[in-house]
Amino acid sequence: MLRRLHPEQPESFAFTDANLAWAKAQITKYPDGRQASAIIPLLWRAQEQEGWLSRPAIEYVADMLGMAYIRALEVATFYFMFQLQPVGTVAHIQVCGTTSCMICG
């Protein structure tokens, strides 16, 4: 399944002060040169803050980790837990469609 970013994107993204402090603490858990390994928790926090992952949020996280934007985009589009389009705020139901979920029924 091809996943694309939503056509309408916000102008910018920035972590709140609390989320920025949390993100910096996460990055310090990884050895020098391996900070890019914090990509999933940081993208997850960006999604929690905004409700979905926008292009500016992905770029912001990539810049924080010193990695190419395309690498961060690859991670965001690979994992279905990341919402690339705005979702509802009242109820959000996800159904697992991966091979392992299909095997388990």
PDB file of N, CA and C in Angstrom:
ATOM      1  N   MET A   1       0.844  -1.173   0.000  1.00  0.00           N
ATOM      2  CA  MET A   1       0.000   0.000   0.000  1.00  0.00           C
ATOM      3  C   MET A   1       0.893   1.241   0.000  1.00  0.00           C
ATOM      4  N   LEU A   2       0.677   2.095  -0.939  1.00  0.00           N
ATOM      5  CA  LEU A   2       1.451   3.325  -1.065  1.00  0.00           C
ATOM      6  C   LEU A   2       0.900   4.376  -0.109  1.00  0.00           C
ATOM      7  N   ARG A   3       1.779   4.936   0.712  1.00  0.00           N
ATOM      8  CA  ARG A   3       1.366   5.957   1.678  1.00  0.00           C
ATOM      9  C   ARG A   3       1.986   7.283   1.289  1.00  0.00           C
ATOM     10  N   ARG A   4       1.165   8.299   1.233  1.00  0.00           N
ATOM     11  CA  ARG A   4       1.624   9.632   0.838  1.00  0.00           C
ATOM     12  C   ARG A   4       1.271  10.645   1.917  1.00  0.00           C
ATOM     13  N   LEU A   5       2.007  11.744   1.904  1.00  0.00           N
ATOM     14  CA  LEU A   5       1.705  12.837   2.817  1.00  0.00           C
ATOM     15  C   LEU A   5       0.440  13.556   2.362  1.00  0.00           C
ATOM     16  N   HIS A   6      -0.267  14.123   3.316  1.00  0.00           N
ATOM     17  CA  HIS A   6      -1.480  14.881   3.018  1.00  0.00           C
ATOM     18  C   HIS A   6      -1.117  16.080   2.134  1.00  0.00           C
ATOM     19  N   PRO A   7      -1.946  16.402   1.133  1.00  0.00           N
ATOM     20  CA  PRO A   7      -1.599  17.509   0.230  1.00  0.00           C
ATOM     21  C   PRO A   7      -1.569  18.881   0.911  1.00  0.00           C
ATOM     22  N   GLU A   8      -2.374  19.074   1.950  1.00  0.00           N
ATOM     23  CA  GLU A   8      -2.391  20.358   2.657  1.00  0.00           C
ATOM     24  C   GLU A   8      -1.550  20.230   3.923  1.00  0.00           C
ATOM     25  N   GLN A   9      -0.462  20.996   3.968  1.00  0.00           N
ATOM     26  CA  GLN A   9       0.478  20.917   5.080  1.00  0.00           C
ATOM     27  C   GLN A   9       0.532  22.239   5.843  1.00  0.00           C
ATOM     28  N   PRO A  10       0.770  22.188   7.157  1.00  0.00           N
ATOM     29  CA  PRO A  10       0.957  23.431   7.904  1.00  0.00           C
ATOM     30  C   PRO A  10       2.271  24.103   7.517  1.00  0.00           C
ATOM     31  N   GLU A  11       2.394  25.366   7.852  1.00  0.00           N
ATOM     32  CA  GLU A  11       3.597  26.134   7.506  1.00  0.00           C
ATOM     33  C   GLU A  11       4.832  25.643   8.243  1.00  0.00           C
ATOM     34  N   SER A  12       4.666  25.313   9.534  1.00  0.00           N
ATOM     35  CA  SER A  12       5.837  24.940  10.325  1.00  0.00           C
ATOM     36  C   SER A  12       5.434  24.013  11.466  1.00  0.00           C
ATOM     37  N   PHE A  13       6.452  23.520  12.151  1.00  0.00           N
ATOM     38  CA  PHE A  13       6.255  22.665  13.323  1.00  0.00           C
ATOM     39  C   PHE A  13       7.385  22.937  14.297  1.00  0.00           C
ATOM     40  N   ALA A  14       7.070  22.897  15.566  1.00  0.00           N
ATOM     41  CA  ALA A  14       8.084  22.968  16.621  1.00  0.00           C
ATOM     42  C   ALA A  14       7.538  22.246  17.841  1.00  0.00           C
ATOM     43  N   PHE A  15       8.397  21.511  18.524  1.00  0.00           N
ATOM     44  CA  PHE A  15       7.991  20.870  19.762  1.00  0.00           C
ATOM     45  C   PHE A  15       7.671  21.930  20.808  1.00  0.00           C
ATOM     46  N   THR A  16       6.741  21.618  21.688  1.00  0.00           N
ATOM     47  CA  THR A  16       6.518  22.466  22.852  1.00  0.00           C
ATOM     48  C   THR A  16       7.772  22.378  23.721  1.00  0.00           C
ATOM     49  N   ASP A  17       7.902  23.274  24.680  1.00  0.00           N
ATOM     50  CA  ASP A  17       9.082  23.252  25.549  1.00  0.00           C
ATOM     51  C   ASP A  17       9.223  21.907  26.266  1.00  0.00           C
ATOM     52  N   ALA A  18       8.109  21.379  26.756  1.00  0.00           N
ATOM     53  CA  ALA A  18       8.144  20.095  27.464  1.00  0.00           C
ATOM     54  C   ALA A  18       8.538  18.963  26.519  1.00  0.00           C
ATOM     55  N   ASN A  19       7.965  18.946  25.322  1.00  0.00           N
ATOM     56  CA  ASN A  19       8.298  17.894  24.361  1.00  0.00           C
ATOM     57  C   ASN A  19       9.724  18.026  23.853  1.00  0.00           C
ATOM     58  N   LEU A  20      10.213  19.248  23.724  1.00  0.00           N
ATOM     59  CA  LEU A  20      11.594  19.455  23.297  1.00  0.00           C
ATOM     60  C   LEU A  20      12.561  18.913  24.342  1.00  0.00           C
ATOM     61  N   ALA A  21      12.280  19.176  25.610  1.00  0.00           N
ATOM     62  CA  ALA A  21      13.123  18.641  26.687  1.00  0.00           C
ATOM     63  C   ALA A  21      13.087  17.119  26.680  1.00  0.00           C
ATOM     64  N   TRP A  22      11.893  16.547  26.474  1.00  0.00           N
ATOM     65  CA  TRP A  22      11.756  15.091  26.405  1.00  0.00           C
ATOM     66  C   TRP A  22      12.553  14.536  25.230  1.00  0.00           C
ATOM     67  N   ALA A  23      12.452  15.177  24.077  1.00  0.00           N
ATOM     68  CA  ALA A  23      13.155  14.712  22.875  1.00  0.00           C
ATOM     69  C   ALA A  23      14.665  14.747  23.079  1.00  0.00           C
ATOM     70  N   LYS A  24      15.162  15.822  23.662  1.00  0.00           N
ATOM     71  CA  LYS A  24      16.607  15.920  23.914  1.00  0.00           C
ATOM     72  C   LYS A  24      17.064  14.833  24.876  1.00  0.00           C
ATOM     73  N   ALA A  25      16.238  14.516  25.874  1.00  0.00           N
ATOM     74  CA  ALA A  25      16.568  13.436  26.810  1.00  0.00           C
ATOM     75  C   ALA A  25      16.608  12.090  26.093  1.00  0.00           C
ATOM     76  N   GLN A  26      15.693  11.878  25.149  1.00  0.00           N
ATOM     77  CA  GLN A  26      15.690  10.625  24.385  1.00  0.00           C
ATOM     78  C   GLN A  26      16.948  10.496  23.539  1.00  0.00           C
ATOM     79  N   ILE A  27      17.346  11.586  22.915  1.00  0.00           N
ATOM     80  CA  ILE A  27      18.520  11.566  22.036  1.00  0.00           C
ATOM     81  C   ILE A  27      19.780  11.221  22.825  1.00  0.00           C
ATOM     82  N   THR A  28      19.871  11.696  24.069  1.00  0.00           N
ATOM     83  CA  THR A  28      21.069  11.421  24.870  1.00  0.00           C
ATOM     84  C   THR A  28      21.193   9.952  25.264  1.00  0.00           C
ATOM     85  N   LYS A  29      20.143   9.178  25.102  1.00  0.00           N
ATOM     86  CA  LYS A  29      20.189   7.743  25.423  1.00  0.00           C
ATOM     87  C   LYS A  29      20.984   6.945  24.395  1.00  0.00           C
ATOM     88  N   TYR A  30      21.269   7.553  23.258  1.00  0.00           N
ATOM     89  CA  TYR A  30      21.962   6.858  22.176  1.00  0.00           C
ATOM     90  C   TYR A  30      23.409   7.334  22.090  1.00  0.00           C
ATOM     91  N   PRO A  31      24.336   6.429  21.754  1.00  0.00           N
ATOM     92  CA  PRO A  31      25.750   6.834  21.664  1.00  0.00           C
ATOM     93  C   PRO A  31      25.990   7.798  20.508  1.00  0.00           C
ATOM     94  N   ASP A  32      27.108   8.514  20.588  1.00  0.00           N
ATOM     95  CA  ASP A  32      27.472   9.453  19.526  1.00  0.00           C
ATOM     96  C   ASP A  32      27.485   8.748  18.177  1.00  0.00           C
ATOM     97  N   GLY A  33      26.909   9.404  17.198  1.00  0.00           N
ATOM     98  CA  GLY A  33      26.836   8.838  15.859  1.00  0.00           C
ATOM     99  C   GLY A  33      25.635   7.939  15.638  1.00  0.00           C
ATOM    100  N   ARG A  34      24.893   7.632  16.686  1.00  0.00           N
ATOM    101  CA  ARG A  34      23.722   6.747  16.588  1.00  0.00           C
ATOM    102  C   ARG A  34      22.424   7.449  16.985  1.00  0.00           C
ATOM    103  N   GLN A  35      22.449   8.780  17.024  1.00  0.00           N
ATOM    104  CA  GLN A  35      21.271   9.527  17.448  1.00  0.00           C
ATOM    105  C   GLN A  35      20.076   9.307  16.528  1.00  0.00           C
ATOM    106  N   ALA A  36      20.324   8.952  15.279  1.00  0.00           N
ATOM    107  CA  ALA A  36      19.226   8.718  14.338  1.00  0.00           C
ATOM    108  C   ALA A  36      18.335   7.564  14.795  1.00  0.00           C
ATOM    109  N   SER A  37      18.840   6.735  15.705  1.00  0.00           N
ATOM    110  CA  SER A  37      18.037   5.630  16.231  1.00  0.00           C
ATOM    111  C   SER A  37      16.849   6.122  17.052  1.00  0.00           C
ATOM    112  N   ALA A  38      16.848   7.384  17.429  1.00  0.00           N
ATOM    113  CA  ALA A  38      15.741   7.957  18.201  1.00  0.00           C
ATOM    114  C   ALA A  38      14.597   8.418  17.304  1.00  0.00           C
ATOM    115  N   ILE A  39      14.654   8.108  16.029  1.00  0.00           N
ATOM    116  CA  ILE A  39      13.671   8.607  15.064  1.00  0.00           C
ATOM    117  C   ILE A  39      12.237   8.196  15.418  1.00  0.00           C
ATOM    118  N   ILE A  40      12.024   6.946  15.780  1.00  0.00           N
ATOM    119  CA  ILE A  40      10.659   6.481  16.034  1.00  0.00           C
ATOM    120  C   ILE A  40      10.053   7.155  17.266  1.00  0.00           C
ATOM    121  N   PRO A  41      10.754   7.198  18.413  1.00  0.00           N
ATOM    122  CA  PRO A  41      10.134   7.897  19.546  1.00  0.00           C
ATOM    123  C   PRO A  41       9.872   9.382  19.279  1.00  0.00           C
ATOM    124  N   LEU A  42      10.761  10.035  18.552  1.00  0.00           N
ATOM    125  CA  LEU A  42      10.565  11.460  18.280  1.00  0.00           C
ATOM    126  C   LEU A  42       9.412  11.693  17.309  1.00  0.00           C
ATOM    127  N   LEU A  43       9.298  10.863  16.284  1.00  0.00           N
ATOM    128  CA  LEU A  43       8.156  10.985  15.376  1.00  0.00           C
ATOM    129  C   LEU A  43       6.852  10.707  16.123  1.00  0.00           C
ATOM    130  N   TRP A  44       6.894   9.721  17.008  1.00  0.00           N
ATOM    131  CA  TRP A  44       5.704   9.378  17.785  1.00  0.00           C
ATOM    132  C   TRP A  44       5.275  10.561  18.649  1.00  0.00           C
ATOM    133  N   ARG A  45       6.248  11.229  19.284  1.00  0.00           N
ATOM    134  CA  ARG A  45       5.930  12.384  20.133  1.00  0.00           C
ATOM    135  C   ARG A  45       5.393  13.539  19.297  1.00  0.00           C
ATOM    136  N   ALA A  46       5.955  13.739  18.109  1.00  0.00           N
ATOM    137  CA  ALA A  46       5.457  14.792  17.215  1.00  0.00           C
ATOM    138  C   ALA A  46       4.013  14.498  16.818  1.00  0.00           C
ATOM    139  N   GLN A  47       3.721  13.234  16.558  1.00  0.00           N
ATOM    140  CA  GLN A  47       2.354  12.856  16.200  1.00  0.00           C
ATOM    141  C   GLN A  47       1.415  13.060  17.385  1.00  0.00           C
ATOM    142  N   GLU A  48       1.855  12.723  18.579  1.00  0.00           N
ATOM    143  CA  GLU A  48       1.019  12.935  19.764  1.00  0.00           C
ATOM    144  C   GLU A  48       0.723  14.417  19.973  1.00  0.00           C
ATOM    145  N   GLN A  49       1.702  15.252  19.688  1.00  0.00           N
ATOM    146  CA  GLN A  49       1.526  16.695  19.888  1.00  0.00           C
ATOM    147  C   GLN A  49       0.527  17.283  18.898  1.00  0.00           C
ATOM    148  N   GLU A  50       0.610  16.895  17.639  1.00  0.00           N
ATOM    149  CA  GLU A  50      -0.215  17.502  16.593  1.00  0.00           C
ATOM    150  C   GLU A  50      -1.411  16.654  16.168  1.00  0.00           C
ATOM    151  N   GLY A  51      -1.393  15.375  16.504  1.00  0.00           N
ATOM    152  CA  GLY A  51      -2.478  14.491  16.100  1.00  0.00           C
ATOM    153  C   GLY A  51      -2.188  13.726  14.822  1.00  0.00           C
ATOM    154  N   TRP A  52      -1.170  14.148  14.079  1.00  0.00           N
ATOM    155  CA  TRP A  52      -0.747  13.473  12.850  1.00  0.00           C
ATOM    156  C   TRP A  52       0.647  13.980  12.506  1.00  0.00           C
ATOM    157  N   LEU A  53       1.313  13.317  11.560  1.00  0.00           N
ATOM    158  CA  LEU A  53       2.665  13.718  11.160  1.00  0.00           C
ATOM    159  C   LEU A  53       2.613  14.519   9.872  1.00  0.00           C
ATOM    160  N   SER A  54       2.992  15.760   9.966  1.00  0.00           N
ATOM    161  CA  SER A  54       3.045  16.624   8.785  1.00  0.00           C
ATOM    162  C   SER A  54       4.470  16.656   8.242  1.00  0.00           C
ATOM    163  N   ARG A  55       4.611  17.159   7.036  1.00  0.00           N
ATOM    164  CA  ARG A  55       5.945  17.304   6.446  1.00  0.00           C
ATOM    165  C   ARG A  55       6.853  18.166   7.330  1.00  0.00           C
ATOM    166  N   PRO A  56       6.373  19.329   7.824  1.00  0.00           N
ATOM    167  CA  PRO A  56       7.247  20.123   8.695  1.00  0.00           C
ATOM    168  C   PRO A  56       7.677  19.375   9.962  1.00  0.00           C
ATOM    169  N   ALA A  57       6.798  18.538  10.514  1.00  0.00           N
ATOM    170  CA  ALA A  57       7.159  17.770  11.710  1.00  0.00           C
ATOM    171  C   ALA A  57       8.249  16.754  11.390  1.00  0.00           C
ATOM    172  N   ILE A  58       8.122  16.080  10.258  1.00  0.00           N
ATOM    173  CA  ILE A  58       9.131  15.098   9.852  1.00  0.00           C
ATOM    174  C   ILE A  58      10.465  15.796   9.597  1.00  0.00           C
ATOM    175  N   GLU A  59      10.425  16.940   8.936  1.00  0.00           N
ATOM    176  CA  GLU A  59      11.651  17.702   8.672  1.00  0.00           C
ATOM    177  C   GLU A  59      12.283  18.184   9.974  1.00  0.00           C
ATOM    178  N   TYR A  60      11.469  18.631  10.905  1.00  0.00           N
ATOM    179  CA  TYR A  60      11.948  19.116  12.202  1.00  0.00           C
ATOM    180  C   TYR A  60      12.690  18.007  12.946  1.00  0.00           C
ATOM    181  N   VAL A  61      12.082  16.822  13.000  1.00  0.00           N
ATOM    182  CA  VAL A  61      12.707  15.686  13.681  1.00  0.00           C
ATOM    183  C   VAL A  61      13.990  15.275  12.962  1.00  0.00           C
ATOM    184  N   ALA A  62      13.964  15.248  11.645  1.00  0.00           N
ATOM    185  CA  ALA A  62      15.171  14.902  10.881  1.00  0.00           C
ATOM    186  C   ALA A  62      16.302  15.881  11.185  1.00  0.00           C
ATOM    187  N   ASP A  63      15.987  17.165  11.247  1.00  0.00           N
ATOM    188  CA  ASP A  63      16.998  18.178  11.576  1.00  0.00           C
ATOM    189  C   ASP A  63      17.545  17.979  12.986  1.00  0.00           C
ATOM    190  N   MET A  64      16.669  17.655  13.927  1.00  0.00           N
ATOM    191  CA  MET A  64      17.120  17.419  15.305  1.00  0.00           C
ATOM    192  C   MET A  64      18.123  16.279  15.373  1.00  0.00           C
ATOM    193  N   LEU A  65      17.909  15.270  14.538  1.00  0.00           N
ATOM    194  CA  LEU A  65      18.748  14.074  14.579  1.00  0.00           C
ATOM    195  C   LEU A  65      19.912  14.139  13.601  1.00  0.00           C
ATOM    196  N   GLY A  66      19.990  15.205  12.822  1.00  0.00           N
ATOM    197  CA  GLY A  66      21.086  15.343  11.868  1.00  0.00           C
ATOM    198  C   GLY A  66      21.041  14.307  10.763  1.00  0.00           C
ATOM    199  N   MET A  67      19.847  13.969  10.332  1.00  0.00           N
ATOM    200  CA  MET A  67      19.710  12.976   9.269  1.00  0.00           C
ATOM    201  C   MET A  67      18.978  13.588   8.079  1.00  0.00           C
ATOM    202  N   ALA A  68      19.130  12.957   6.940  1.00  0.00           N
ATOM    203  CA  ALA A  68      18.482  13.438   5.724  1.00  0.00           C
ATOM    204  C   ALA A  68      16.964  13.324   5.868  1.00  0.00           C
ATOM    205  N   TYR A  69      16.264  14.305   5.337  1.00  0.00           N
ATOM    206  CA  TYR A  69      14.804  14.317   5.412  1.00  0.00           C
ATOM    207  C   TYR A  69      14.206  13.053   4.787  1.00  0.00           C
ATOM    208  N   ILE A  70      14.763  12.605   3.679  1.00  0.00           N
ATOM    209  CA  ILE A  70      14.214  11.427   2.990  1.00  0.00           C
ATOM    210  C   ILE A  70      14.272  10.187   3.877  1.00  0.00           C
ATOM    211  N   ARG A  71      15.298  10.071   4.720  1.00  0.00           N
ATOM    212  CA  ARG A  71      15.406   8.919   5.632  1.00  0.00           C
ATOM    213  C   ARG A  71      14.289   8.966   6.678  1.00  0.00           C
ATOM    214  N   ALA A  72      14.023  10.156   7.201  1.00  0.00           N
ATOM    215  CA  ALA A  72      12.934  10.299   8.170  1.00  0.00           C
ATOM    216  C   ALA A  72      11.588  10.027   7.498  1.00  0.00           C
ATOM    217  N   LEU A  73      11.431  10.483   6.270  1.00  0.00           N
ATOM    218  CA  LEU A  73      10.197  10.236   5.526  1.00  0.00           C
ATOM    219  C   LEU A  73      10.012   8.742   5.269  1.00  0.00           C
ATOM    220  N   GLU A  74      11.104   8.035   4.984  1.00  0.00           N
ATOM    221  CA  GLU A  74      11.023   6.587   4.778  1.00  0.00           C
ATOM    222  C   GLU A  74      10.483   5.888   6.018  1.00  0.00           C
ATOM    223  N   VAL A  75      10.960   6.292   7.185  1.00  0.00           N
ATOM    224  CA  VAL A  75      10.483   5.694   8.436  1.00  0.00           C
ATOM    225  C   VAL A  75       9.006   6.016   8.642  1.00  0.00           C
ATOM    226  N   ALA A  76       8.637   7.272   8.448  1.00  0.00           N
ATOM    227  CA  ALA A  76       7.252   7.699   8.672  1.00  0.00           C
ATOM    228  C   ALA A  76       6.276   6.994   7.739  1.00  0.00           C
ATOM    229  N   THR A  77       6.684   6.756   6.506  1.00  0.00           N
ATOM    230  CA  THR A  77       5.771   6.111   5.558  1.00  0.00           C
ATOM    231  C   THR A  77       5.792   4.591   5.675  1.00  0.00           C
ATOM    232  N   PHE A  78       6.834   4.027   6.270  1.00  0.00           N
ATOM    233  CA  PHE A  78       6.923   2.570   6.398  1.00  0.00           C
ATOM    234  C   PHE A  78       6.006   2.047   7.499  1.00  0.00           C
ATOM    235  N   TYR A  79       6.000   2.725   8.632  1.00  0.00           N
ATOM    236  CA  TYR A  79       5.231   2.249   9.780  1.00  0.00           C
ATOM    237  C   TYR A  79       3.811   2.806   9.749  1.00  0.00           C
ATOM    238  N   PHE A  80       2.838   1.897   9.835  1.00  0.00           N
ATOM    239  CA  PHE A  80       1.432   2.294   9.766  1.00  0.00           C
ATOM    240  C   PHE A  80       0.953   2.995  11.029  1.00  0.00           C
ATOM    241  N   MET A  81       1.739   2.959  12.095  1.00  0.00           N
ATOM    242  CA  MET A  81       1.335   3.644  13.329  1.00  0.00           C
ATOM    243  C   MET A  81       1.425   5.159  13.183  1.00  0.00           C
ATOM    244  N   PHE A  82       2.115   5.625  12.151  1.00  0.00           N
ATOM    245  CA  PHE A  82       2.229   7.059  11.919  1.00  0.00           C
ATOM    246  C   PHE A  82       1.131   7.510  10.963  1.00  0.00           C
ATOM    247  N   GLN A  83       0.356   8.494  11.410  1.00  0.00           N
ATOM    248  CA  GLN A  83      -0.748   9.032  10.617  1.00  0.00           C
ATOM    249  C   GLN A  83      -0.222  10.172   9.757  1.00  0.00           C
ATOM    250  N   LEU A  84      -0.290  10.030   8.458  1.00  0.00           N
ATOM    251  CA  LEU A  84       0.230  11.034   7.538  1.00  0.00           C
ATOM    252  C   LEU A  84      -0.849  12.005   7.080  1.00  0.00           C
ATOM    253  N   GLN A  85      -2.042  11.829   7.606  1.00  0.00           N
ATOM    254  CA  GLN A  85      -3.157  12.722   7.308  1.00  0.00           C
ATOM    255  C   GLN A  85      -3.887  13.009   8.617  1.00  0.00           C
ATOM    256  N   PRO A  86      -4.554  14.153   8.711  1.00  0.00           N
ATOM    257  CA  PRO A  86      -5.299  14.445   9.947  1.00  0.00           C
ATOM    258  C   PRO A  86      -6.342  13.364  10.218  1.00  0.00           C
ATOM    259  N   VAL A  87      -6.493  13.025  11.491  1.00  0.00           N
ATOM    260  CA  VAL A  87      -7.471  12.012  11.891  1.00  0.00           C
ATOM    261  C   VAL A  87      -8.433  12.635  12.892  1.00  0.00           C
ATOM    262  N   GLY A  88      -9.537  11.962  13.130  1.00  0.00           N
ATOM    263  CA  GLY A  88     -10.534  12.461  14.068  1.00  0.00           C
ATOM    264  C   GLY A  88     -10.013  12.526  15.492  1.00  0.00           C
ATOM    265  N   THR A  89     -10.679  13.318  16.304  1.00  0.00           N
ATOM    266  CA  THR A  89     -10.254  13.471  17.694  1.00  0.00           C
ATOM    267  C   THR A  89     -11.132  12.697  18.666  1.00  0.00           C
ATOM    268  N   VAL A  90     -12.302  12.250  18.226  1.00  0.00           N
ATOM    269  CA  VAL A  90     -13.210  11.544  19.115  1.00  0.00           C
ATOM    270  C   VAL A  90     -12.883  10.057  19.160  1.00  0.00           C
ATOM    271  N   ALA A  91     -12.785   9.438  18.011  1.00  0.00           N
ATOM    272  CA  ALA A  91     -12.477   8.012  17.961  1.00  0.00           C
ATOM    273  C   ALA A  91     -11.588   7.739  16.757  1.00  0.00           C
ATOM    274  N   HIS A  92     -10.594   6.933  16.986  1.00  0.00           N
ATOM    275  CA  HIS A  92      -9.696   6.546  15.897  1.00  0.00           C
ATOM    276  C   HIS A  92      -9.447   5.054  16.032  1.00  0.00           C
ATOM    277  N   ILE A  93      -9.915   4.304  15.062  1.00  0.00           N
ATOM    278  CA  ILE A  93      -9.773   2.852  15.092  1.00  0.00           C
ATOM    279  C   ILE A  93      -8.793   2.444  14.012  1.00  0.00           C
ATOM    280  N   GLN A  94      -7.803   1.645  14.399  1.00  0.00           N
ATOM    281  CA  GLN A  94      -6.844   1.122  13.439  1.00  0.00           C
ATOM    282  C   GLN A  94      -6.984  -0.386  13.389  1.00  0.00           C
ATOM    283  N   VAL A  95      -6.885  -0.937  12.212  1.00  0.00           N
ATOM    284  CA  VAL A  95      -6.921  -2.375  12.028  1.00  0.00           C
ATOM    285  C   VAL A  95      -5.579  -2.796  11.461  1.00  0.00           C
ATOM    286  N   CYS A  96      -4.971  -3.753  12.099  1.00  0.00           N
ATOM    287  CA  CYS A  96      -3.671  -4.238  11.648  1.00  0.00           C
ATOM    288  C   CYS A  96      -3.854  -5.030  10.361  1.00  0.00           C
ATOM    289  N   GLY A  97      -3.082  -4.689   9.352  1.00  0.00           N
ATOM    290  CA  GLY A  97      -3.174  -5.375   8.069  1.00  0.00           C
ATOM    291  C   GLY A  97      -1.871  -6.023   7.655  1.00  0.00           C
ATOM    292  N   THR A  98      -0.971  -6.213   8.621  1.00  0.00           N
ATOM    293  CA  THR A  98       0.319  -6.811   8.295  1.00  0.00           C
ATOM    294  C   THR A  98       0.190  -8.321   8.172  1.00  0.00           C
ATOM    295  N   THR A  99       1.194  -8.937   7.625  1.00  0.00           N
ATOM    296  CA  THR A  99       1.182 -10.386   7.431  1.00  0.00           C
ATOM    297  C   THR A  99       1.020 -11.124   8.749  1.00  0.00           C
ATOM    298  N   SER A 100       1.744 -10.691   9.777  1.00  0.00           N
ATOM    299  CA  SER A 100       1.653 -11.384  11.069  1.00  0.00           C
ATOM    300  C   SER A 100       0.246 -11.288  11.657  1.00  0.00           C
ATOM    301  N   CYS A 101      -0.424 -10.167  11.490  1.00  0.00           N
ATOM    302  CA  CYS A 101      -1.796 -10.032  11.986  1.00  0.00           C
ATOM    303  C   CYS A 101      -2.760 -10.898  11.173  1.00  0.00           C
ATOM    304  N   MET A 102      -2.525 -10.977   9.877  1.00  0.00           N
ATOM    305  CA  MET A 102      -3.390 -11.801   9.029  1.00  0.00           C
ATOM    306  C   MET A 102      -3.255 -13.280   9.384  1.00  0.00           C
ATOM    307  N   ILE A 103      -2.045 -13.705   9.705  1.00  0.00           N
ATOM    308  CA  ILE A 103      -1.821 -15.102  10.076  1.00  0.00           C
ATOM    309  C   ILE A 103      -2.531 -15.428  11.382  1.00  0.00           C
ATOM    310  N   CYS A 104      -2.502 -14.479  12.317  1.00  0.00           N
ATOM    311  CA  CYS A 104      -3.138 -14.691  13.626  1.00  0.00           C
ATOM    312  C   CYS A 104      -4.660 -14.589  13.563  1.00  0.00           C
ATOM    313  N   GLY A 105      -5.176 -14.065  12.465  1.00  0.00           N
ATOM    314  CA  GLY A 105      -6.619 -13.968  12.304  1.00  0.00           C
ATOM    315  C   GLY A 105      -7.123 -12.656  12.778  1.00  0.00           C
TER     316      GLY A 105
END
